[in-house]
Amino acid sequence: MYMNQRATGIIIKDNKILLLHRIKNGREYYVFPGGGVEDGETAEEAMIREIKEEVSLDAEIDKFLFQIFNLNREEKYFLITNFTGEVKLGGPEAEMMNENDQYHPMWIDISEIEKMEMLLPKE
């Protein structure tokens, strides 16, 4: 798996953004859904696959938004406003859930995002 690139979705519905509330080894924070780009896969393909795996949505990418470098990894962010399905944790994240490693998808009001201290990455 080629992990030097991460594809991330900013999923918006009704003025809310879908985030994953993470609890890992006693540390709490929020991240946008997404994951590593695999060999032979474009960032766009990875984004569609990761959204399906992590939060059970069939998504269409509206557009590329921006890219940053975080932890020596290129991260590409895509806007998603067109999707079908119900948000439900799935894939490896659901399989790995335990007391020390948790994933909780949740809709957060857009107006709250700027105030969130625990949203990663800070950029």
C-alpha atoms as a PDB file:
ATOM      1  CA  MET A   1       0.000   0.000   0.000  1.00  0.00           C
ATOM      2  CA  TYR A   2       1.319   3.433  -0.980  1.00  0.00           C
ATOM      3  CA  MET A   3       0.783   5.539   2.127  1.00  0.00           C
ATOM      4  CA  ASN A   4       2.619   8.730   1.183  1.00  0.00           C
ATOM      5  CA  GLN A   5      -0.651  10.184  -0.004  1.00  0.00           C
ATOM      6  CA  ARG A   6      -3.970  10.517   1.799  1.00  0.00           C
ATOM      7  CA  ALA A   7      -7.316  11.330   0.208  1.00  0.00           C
ATOM      8  CA  THR A   8      -9.775  13.148   2.443  1.00  0.00           C
ATOM      9  CA  GLY A   9     -13.432  14.055   2.038  1.00  0.00           C
ATOM     10  CA  ILE A  10     -15.147  17.152   3.311  1.00  0.00           C
ATOM     11  CA  ILE A  11     -18.718  15.875   3.290  1.00  0.00           C
ATOM     12  CA  ILE A  12     -21.401  18.534   3.691  1.00  0.00           C
ATOM     13  CA  LYS A  13     -25.146  18.167   4.192  1.00  0.00           C
ATOM     14  CA  ASP A  14     -27.612  20.721   5.606  1.00  0.00           C
ATOM     15  CA  ASN A  15     -24.824  23.076   6.801  1.00  0.00           C
ATOM     16  CA  LYS A  16     -23.126  20.239   8.671  1.00  0.00           C
ATOM     17  CA  ILE A  17     -19.791  18.516   8.046  1.00  0.00           C
ATOM     18  CA  LEU A  18     -19.212  14.821   8.660  1.00  0.00           C
ATOM     19  CA  LEU A  19     -16.267  14.185  10.977  1.00  0.00           C
ATOM     20  CA  LEU A  20     -14.868  11.134  12.720  1.00  0.00           C
ATOM     21  CA  HIS A  21     -14.599  11.600  16.474  1.00  0.00           C
ATOM     22  CA  ARG A  22     -11.511   9.596  17.399  1.00  0.00           C
ATOM     23  CA  ILE A  23     -10.611   8.275  20.795  1.00  0.00           C
ATOM     24  CA  LYS A  24      -7.179   6.701  20.634  1.00  0.00           C
ATOM     25  CA  ASN A  25      -5.148   5.712  23.688  1.00  0.00           C
ATOM     26  CA  GLY A  26      -6.972   8.254  25.868  1.00  0.00           C
ATOM     27  CA  ARG A  27      -6.601  11.102  23.364  1.00  0.00           C
ATOM     28  CA  GLU A  28      -9.714  12.616  21.752  1.00  0.00           C
ATOM     29  CA  TYR A  29      -9.764  14.474  18.450  1.00  0.00           C
ATOM     30  CA  TYR A  30     -11.708  14.844  15.197  1.00  0.00           C
ATOM     31  CA  VAL A  31     -10.639  14.114  11.631  1.00  0.00           C
ATOM     32  CA  PHE A  32     -12.238  14.231   8.206  1.00  0.00           C
ATOM     33  CA  PRO A  33     -13.015  10.802   6.705  1.00  0.00           C
ATOM     34  CA  GLY A  34     -10.387   9.458   4.344  1.00  0.00           C
ATOM     35  CA  GLY A  35      -7.338   7.315   4.103  1.00  0.00           C
ATOM     36  CA  GLY A  36      -4.291   6.189   2.211  1.00  0.00           C
ATOM     37  CA  VAL A  37      -4.083   5.987  -1.572  1.00  0.00           C
ATOM     38  CA  GLU A  38      -3.261   2.427  -2.613  1.00  0.00           C
ATOM     39  CA  ASP A  39      -0.955   1.359  -5.458  1.00  0.00           C
ATOM     40  CA  GLY A  40      -2.551   1.918  -8.847  1.00  0.00           C
ATOM     41  CA  GLU A  41      -5.265   4.134  -7.408  1.00  0.00           C
ATOM     42  CA  THR A  42      -5.832   7.852  -7.977  1.00  0.00           C
ATOM     43  CA  ALA A  43      -6.558  10.125  -5.026  1.00  0.00           C
ATOM     44  CA  GLU A  44     -10.108  10.477  -6.354  1.00  0.00           C
ATOM     45  CA  GLU A  45     -10.609   6.705  -6.496  1.00  0.00           C
ATOM     46  CA  ALA A  46      -9.166   6.354  -2.995  1.00  0.00           C
ATOM     47  CA  MET A  47     -11.526   9.030  -1.707  1.00  0.00           C
ATOM     48  CA  ILE A  48     -14.616   7.233  -3.092  1.00  0.00           C
ATOM     49  CA  ARG A  49     -13.394   3.878  -1.689  1.00  0.00           C
ATOM     50  CA  GLU A  50     -12.503   5.292   1.739  1.00  0.00           C
ATOM     51  CA  ILE A  51     -15.850   7.052   2.152  1.00  0.00           C
ATOM     52  CA  LYS A  52     -17.649   3.807   1.307  1.00  0.00           C
ATOM     53  CA  GLU A  53     -15.455   1.771   3.701  1.00  0.00           C
ATOM     54  CA  GLU A  54     -15.391   4.204   6.635  1.00  0.00           C
ATOM     55  CA  VAL A  55     -18.863   5.720   6.704  1.00  0.00           C
ATOM     56  CA  SER A  56     -20.895   3.521   4.300  1.00  0.00           C
ATOM     57  CA  LEU A  57     -21.737   6.313   1.833  1.00  0.00           C
ATOM     58  CA  ASP A  58     -21.677   6.145  -1.960  1.00  0.00           C
ATOM     59  CA  ALA A  59     -20.158   9.514  -2.756  1.00  0.00           C
ATOM     60  CA  GLU A  60     -19.456  11.629  -5.810  1.00  0.00           C
ATOM     61  CA  ILE A  61     -16.647  14.168  -5.678  1.00  0.00           C
ATOM     62  CA  ASP A  62     -17.842  17.708  -6.391  1.00  0.00           C
ATOM     63  CA  LYS A  63     -14.354  19.114  -6.754  1.00  0.00           C
ATOM     64  CA  PHE A  64     -10.788  19.112  -5.522  1.00  0.00           C
ATOM     65  CA  LEU A  65     -10.396  21.731  -2.773  1.00  0.00           C
ATOM     66  CA  PHE A  66      -6.753  21.865  -1.660  1.00  0.00           C
ATOM     67  CA  GLN A  67      -3.743  19.871  -0.590  1.00  0.00           C
ATOM     68  CA  ILE A  68      -1.475  20.120   2.418  1.00  0.00           C
ATOM     69  CA  PHE A  69       1.555  18.243   3.709  1.00  0.00           C
ATOM     70  CA  ASN A  70       0.985  16.696   7.113  1.00  0.00           C
ATOM     71  CA  LEU A  71       3.291  14.258   8.925  1.00  0.00           C
ATOM     72  CA  ASN A  72       5.461  13.923   5.783  1.00  0.00           C
ATOM     73  CA  ARG A  73       2.431  12.924   3.756  1.00  0.00           C
ATOM     74  CA  GLU A  74       0.576  14.673   0.974  1.00  0.00           C
ATOM     75  CA  GLU A  75      -3.112  15.048   1.820  1.00  0.00           C
ATOM     76  CA  LYS A  76      -5.662  15.942  -0.859  1.00  0.00           C
ATOM     77  CA  TYR A  77      -9.039  17.276   0.218  1.00  0.00           C
ATOM     78  CA  PHE A  78     -12.188  16.891  -1.874  1.00  0.00           C
ATOM     79  CA  LEU A  79     -15.636  18.439  -1.469  1.00  0.00           C
ATOM     80  CA  ILE A  80     -18.524  15.985  -1.383  1.00  0.00           C
ATOM     81  CA  THR A  81     -22.126  17.197  -1.309  1.00  0.00           C
ATOM     82  CA  ASN A  82     -23.720  14.458  -3.423  1.00  0.00           C
ATOM     83  CA  PHE A  83     -23.930  11.061  -1.747  1.00  0.00           C
ATOM     84  CA  THR A  84     -26.368   8.292  -0.942  1.00  0.00           C
ATOM     85  CA  GLY A  85     -26.704   5.952   2.004  1.00  0.00           C
ATOM     86  CA  GLU A  86     -26.883   6.281   5.757  1.00  0.00           C
ATOM     87  CA  VAL A  87     -23.802   7.139   7.789  1.00  0.00           C
ATOM     88  CA  LYS A  88     -22.608   4.001   9.542  1.00  0.00           C
ATOM     89  CA  LEU A  89     -19.077   3.074  10.559  1.00  0.00           C
ATOM     90  CA  GLY A  90     -17.691   0.237   8.457  1.00  0.00           C
ATOM     91  CA  GLY A  91     -14.528  -1.308   7.050  1.00  0.00           C
ATOM     92  CA  PRO A  92     -11.296  -1.715   9.009  1.00  0.00           C
ATOM     93  CA  GLU A  93     -12.296   1.091  11.378  1.00  0.00           C
ATOM     94  CA  ALA A  94     -15.351  -0.856  12.582  1.00  0.00           C
ATOM     95  CA  GLU A  95     -13.296  -4.057  12.857  1.00  0.00           C
ATOM     96  CA  MET A  96     -10.537  -2.349  14.897  1.00  0.00           C
ATOM     97  CA  MET A  97     -12.878  -0.625  17.362  1.00  0.00           C
ATOM     98  CA  ASN A  98     -11.993  -1.281  20.970  1.00  0.00           C
ATOM     99  CA  GLU A  99     -11.769   0.614  24.232  1.00  0.00           C
ATOM    100  CA  ASN A 100      -8.475   2.288  23.208  1.00  0.00           C
ATOM    101  CA  ASP A 101      -9.214   2.873  19.521  1.00  0.00           C
ATOM    102  CA  GLN A 102     -12.637   4.273  18.651  1.00  0.00           C
ATOM    103  CA  TYR A 103     -14.242   5.907  15.618  1.00  0.00           C
ATOM    104  CA  HIS A 104     -17.563   7.752  15.867  1.00  0.00           C
ATOM    105  CA  PRO A 105     -18.936   9.445  12.722  1.00  0.00           C
ATOM    106  CA  MET A 106     -20.855  12.598  13.582  1.00  0.00           C
ATOM    107  CA  TRP A 107     -22.344  15.619  11.843  1.00  0.00           C
ATOM    108  CA  ILE A 108     -20.976  18.910  13.190  1.00  0.00           C
ATOM    109  CA  ASP A 109     -22.505  22.307  12.369  1.00  0.00           C
ATOM    110  CA  ILE A 110     -20.253  24.236   9.972  1.00  0.00           C
ATOM    111  CA  SER A 111     -20.302  27.256  12.302  1.00  0.00           C
ATOM    112  CA  GLU A 112     -18.627  25.110  15.010  1.00  0.00           C
ATOM    113  CA  ILE A 113     -15.688  23.948  12.883  1.00  0.00           C
ATOM    114  CA  GLU A 114     -13.533  27.073  13.301  1.00  0.00           C
ATOM    115  CA  LYS A 115     -13.889  26.866  17.093  1.00  0.00           C
ATOM    116  CA  MET A 116     -12.922  23.204  17.337  1.00  0.00           C
ATOM    117  CA  GLU A 117      -9.618  22.841  19.163  1.00  0.00           C
ATOM    118  CA  MET A 118      -9.356  19.104  18.523  1.00  0.00           C
ATOM    119  CA  LEU A 119      -9.854  19.099  14.733  1.00  0.00           C
ATOM    120  CA  LEU A 120      -6.821  17.625  12.977  1.00  0.00           C
ATOM    121  CA  PRO A 121      -4.873  18.599  11.025  1.00  0.00           C
ATOM    122  CA  LYS A 122      -4.886  22.208  12.221  1.00  0.00           C
ATOM    123  CA  GLU A 123      -4.398  23.570   8.685  1.00  0.00           C
END
